[in-house]
Protein backbone atom coordinates (compact mmCIF):
# COMPACT_ATOMS: atom_id res chain seq x y z
CA MET A 1 20.28 6.43 -4.79
CA MET A 2 16.61 5.58 -4.87
CA ALA A 3 13.94 5.73 -7.56
CA VAL A 4 10.40 6.04 -6.21
CA PHE A 5 7.13 5.27 -7.96
CA ALA A 6 3.54 5.05 -6.73
CA ILE A 7 0.67 2.64 -7.20
CA LEU A 8 -2.72 4.33 -7.44
CA PRO A 9 -5.60 3.58 -9.83
CA PHE A 10 -2.97 4.56 -12.39
CA LEU A 11 0.79 4.68 -12.04
CA VAL A 12 1.40 8.19 -10.77
CA ASN A 13 3.87 9.93 -8.58
CA PRO A 14 1.98 11.20 -5.50
CA LEU A 15 4.34 14.17 -5.30
CA ASN A 16 2.85 15.42 -8.56
CA LEU A 17 -0.66 15.52 -7.11
CA PRO A 18 -2.19 18.67 -5.59
CA ARG A 19 -1.43 19.10 -1.90
CA GLU A 20 -5.05 18.51 -0.86
CA LYS A 21 -4.97 15.12 -2.61
CA GLN A 22 -1.61 14.22 -1.11
CA ASP A 23 -3.09 14.79 2.35
CA ARG A 24 -5.74 12.15 1.66
CA LEU A 25 -3.19 9.44 0.86
CA GLU A 26 -1.58 6.84 3.08
CA CYS A 27 1.51 5.24 1.60
CA GLU A 28 3.93 2.46 2.44
CA ARG A 29 7.25 1.65 0.78
CA LEU A 30 7.59 -1.76 -0.89
CA SER A 31 10.13 -3.59 -2.97
CA HIS A 32 9.21 -4.28 -6.59
CA ALA A 33 8.67 -7.98 -5.76
CA GLU A 34 6.34 -7.21 -2.83
CA ALA A 35 4.30 -4.74 -4.87
CA ASN A 36 4.03 -7.13 -7.81
CA ALA A 37 2.85 -9.93 -5.50
CA ARG A 38 0.03 -7.74 -4.19
CA HIS A 39 -0.95 -6.35 -7.59
CA PRO A 40 0.10 -8.86 -10.27
CA GLY A 41 0.08 -7.51 -13.80
CA VAL A 42 -0.18 -3.86 -12.75
CA LEU A 43 3.49 -2.91 -12.68
CA PRO A 44 5.79 -2.71 -15.69
CA PRO A 45 8.67 -5.22 -15.69
CA GLU A 46 11.53 -4.31 -13.41
CA LYS A 47 14.42 -2.73 -15.28
CA PRO A 48 17.94 -4.22 -15.20
CA ARG A 49 20.10 -3.02 -12.33
CA GLY A 50 22.85 -1.65 -14.58
CA ASP A 51 22.10 1.93 -13.51
CA TYR A 52 22.88 1.04 -9.86
CA LEU A 53 19.60 2.49 -8.56
CA ASP A 54 17.98 0.85 -5.54
CA ARG A 55 14.37 0.89 -6.75
CA THR A 56 11.46 0.85 -4.34
CA LEU A 57 7.81 1.74 -4.77
CA LEU A 58 5.16 3.54 -2.79
CA LEU A 59 1.83 1.78 -2.41
CA CYS A 60 -0.71 4.55 -1.82
CA ARG A 61 -4.38 4.35 -0.92
CA GLU A 62 -6.81 7.22 -0.65
CA ARG A 63 -8.70 7.43 2.62
CA ILE A 64 -12.44 6.94 2.21
CA ALA A 65 -13.15 9.52 4.91
CA PRO A 66 -11.07 12.38 6.29
CA PRO A 67 -8.77 11.18 9.12
CA GLU A 68 -10.53 13.34 11.71
CA LEU A 69 -13.86 11.58 11.00
CA ARG A 70 -12.65 8.03 11.52
CA HIS A 71 -11.39 6.23 14.62
CA PRO A 72 -7.64 5.48 14.35
CA ARG A 73 -8.37 1.77 14.89
CA ASP A 74 -10.81 1.73 11.97
CA GLU A 75 -8.35 3.61 9.77
CA SER A 76 -5.60 1.10 10.51
CA VAL A 77 -7.83 -1.96 10.04
CA LEU A 78 -9.18 -0.70 6.71
CA PHE A 79 -5.74 0.34 5.49
CA GLU A 80 -4.51 -3.25 5.88
CA LEU A 81 -7.81 -4.95 5.04
CA GLY A 82 -6.82 -6.35 1.66
CA GLU A 83 -3.73 -8.05 3.05
CA GLN A 84 -5.51 -9.28 6.19
CA ALA A 85 -8.47 -10.64 4.22
CA SER A 86 -6.17 -12.54 1.86
CA ALA A 87 -4.17 -14.01 4.74
CA LEU A 88 -7.31 -15.05 6.62
CA ALA A 89 -8.85 -16.62 3.51
CA GLU A 90 -5.68 -18.64 2.94
CA ALA A 91 -5.59 -19.78 6.57
CA ALA A 92 -9.30 -20.63 6.59
CA THR A 93 -9.32 -22.67 3.39
CA SER A 94 -6.23 -24.55 4.58
CA ALA A 95 -7.87 -25.38 7.92
CA ALA A 96 -11.28 -26.37 6.55
CA PRO A 97 -12.20 -30.06 6.19
CA ASP A 98 -11.88 -31.62 2.77
CA GLY A 99 -14.89 -31.58 0.50
CA ASP A 100 -17.23 -29.08 -1.11
CA HIS A 101 -18.52 -26.44 1.28
CA VAL A 102 -20.62 -23.31 1.24
CA TRP A 103 -18.73 -20.51 2.96
CA LEU A 104 -20.40 -17.88 5.11
CA VAL A 105 -18.68 -14.84 6.62
CA GLU A 106 -19.60 -12.77 9.66
CA ALA A 107 -17.74 -10.01 11.47
CA ASN A 108 -18.08 -8.79 15.03
CA TYR A 109 -16.52 -5.36 15.14
CA PRO A 110 -17.10 -2.29 17.39
CA ASN A 111 -18.02 0.00 14.48
CA ALA A 112 -21.07 -1.32 12.61
CA GLN A 113 -20.24 0.83 9.57
CA VAL A 114 -16.98 -1.06 9.10
CA VAL A 115 -18.57 -4.53 9.28
CA PRO A 116 -19.80 -4.66 5.64
CA LYS A 117 -16.33 -3.69 4.42
CA LEU A 118 -14.76 -6.51 6.45
CA THR A 119 -17.19 -9.16 5.25
CA PHE A 120 -17.08 -8.02 1.61
CA ALA A 121 -13.28 -8.03 1.43
CA THR A 122 -13.14 -11.47 3.05
CA LYS A 123 -15.76 -12.93 0.71
CA VAL A 124 -13.85 -11.63 -2.28
CA ALA A 125 -10.62 -13.14 -0.93
CA LEU A 126 -12.37 -16.50 -0.43
CA MET A 127 -13.86 -16.48 -3.93
CA ARG A 128 -10.41 -15.81 -5.34
CA ARG A 129 -9.40 -19.10 -3.75
CA GLY A 130 -12.12 -20.89 -5.72
CA VAL A 131 -14.65 -21.66 -2.99
CA THR A 132 -18.42 -21.14 -2.99
CA VAL A 133 -19.44 -18.14 -0.90
CA SER A 134 -22.97 -17.33 0.28
CA ASP A 135 -24.48 -14.08 1.57
CA ARG A 136 -26.72 -16.06 3.94
CA LEU A 137 -26.50 -14.98 7.57
CA VAL A 138 -26.44 -17.12 10.69
CA ALA A 139 -28.45 -16.18 13.75
CA LEU A 140 -29.01 -17.20 17.37
CA GLY A 141 -32.18 -17.15 19.42
CA ALA A 142 -32.70 -14.47 22.05
CA GLY A 143 -31.99 -16.92 24.86
CA ASP A 144 -28.70 -18.02 23.30
CA VAL A 145 -27.66 -14.40 22.75
CA ASP A 146 -28.38 -13.55 26.38
CA VAL A 147 -26.24 -16.44 27.65
CA ILE A 148 -23.36 -16.18 25.17
CA THR A 149 -22.88 -12.42 25.46
CA ARG A 150 -22.16 -12.91 29.16
CA MET A 151 -19.18 -15.17 28.37
CA GLU A 152 -15.59 -14.21 27.73
CA PRO A 153 -14.80 -14.14 23.99
CA MET A 154 -12.57 -17.22 24.12
CA GLN A 155 -15.57 -19.21 25.38
CA ALA A 156 -18.33 -17.29 23.63
CA TYR A 157 -17.31 -18.00 20.05
CA PRO A 158 -17.05 -21.80 20.45
CA ALA A 159 -20.39 -21.76 22.27
CA ALA A 160 -22.02 -19.75 19.49
CA CYS A 161 -20.60 -22.12 16.90
CA HIS A 162 -22.12 -25.09 18.72
CA ARG A 163 -25.51 -23.39 18.90
CA TYR A 164 -25.42 -22.34 15.23
CA ALA A 165 -25.13 -25.99 14.23
CA GLU A 166 -27.53 -27.33 16.86
CA SER A 167 -30.26 -24.85 15.93
CA GLY A 168 -29.89 -25.47 12.19
CA SER A 169 -28.77 -21.93 11.41
CA LEU A 170 -25.50 -23.43 10.20
CA ARG A 171 -26.37 -26.24 7.81
CA GLU A 172 -24.53 -29.41 6.94
CA GLY A 173 -21.73 -28.54 4.55
CA ASP A 174 -21.58 -24.92 5.69
CA VAL A 175 -18.35 -23.35 6.86
CA LEU A 176 -18.55 -20.11 8.82
CA LEU A 177 -15.56 -17.77 8.94
CA THR A 178 -15.92 -15.23 11.75
CA LEU A 179 -13.78 -12.10 12.05
CA MET A 180 -13.46 -10.15 15.28
CA VAL A 181 -11.31 -7.94 17.47
CA LEU A 182 -10.71 -9.36 20.95
CA ASP A 183 -9.29 -6.16 22.39
CA PRO A 184 -10.73 -2.78 21.33
CA ARG A 185 -7.21 -1.31 21.36
CA GLU A 186 -5.75 -3.68 18.74
CA THR A 187 -5.80 -3.23 14.99
CA SER A 188 -5.23 -6.84 13.90
CA LEU A 189 -8.24 -8.95 13.11
CA HIS A 190 -8.69 -12.32 14.78
CA ALA A 191 -10.67 -15.11 13.16
CA GLY A 192 -12.14 -18.52 13.75
CA LEU A 193 -13.75 -21.27 11.74
CA CYS A 194 -17.01 -23.05 12.58
CA THR A 195 -17.74 -26.38 10.89
CA ASP A 196 -20.37 -28.87 12.09
CA GLY A 197 -20.54 -27.16 15.47
CA ARG A 198 -16.76 -27.34 16.04
CA TRP A 199 -14.80 -24.13 16.50
CA THR A 200 -11.18 -23.61 15.40
CA TRP A 201 -9.21 -20.46 16.18
CA LEU A 202 -7.20 -19.34 13.18
CA ARG A 203 -5.43 -16.45 14.89
């Protein structure tokens, strides 16, 4: 037997919502431990197992836009953004050199409307890890852009990192975390770290 709950802004059962609201939800089933790890302090304590129920929960998010108005890739990326941003922030801070740094975030993504959501979520995830995050942007000259955009991504990002540092756009003590998709068909974000002109692929 299975008891099902839902995590929304409040603890509600999605089956009790009007049908038009149910249609705007995307849900995934989680164990109590998984849900509590993602949203600490939100759930009530798990009850003893004396009633022999196998308890799971539904984590539900409301789509920002109707499904027919958003590319399936964007929908999938945004649905998993919180988890991906947290994982990337953990990987980035673990890979960064020791010392105090100022963190910058950029995202190269096919849909420009999604880019601010990617950078914002990643900055929040970094700040939760106790690092200093800046809204400052890095930039390349027109000549650099013309050369680098002709390269394959695996070569282009290290080259851009080198030029950021050489041109002074990336300052001493800065760490740049870059998010991107390498294949327009995939829904997982890739990322790399640029420090002192040296590029490191995180995933």
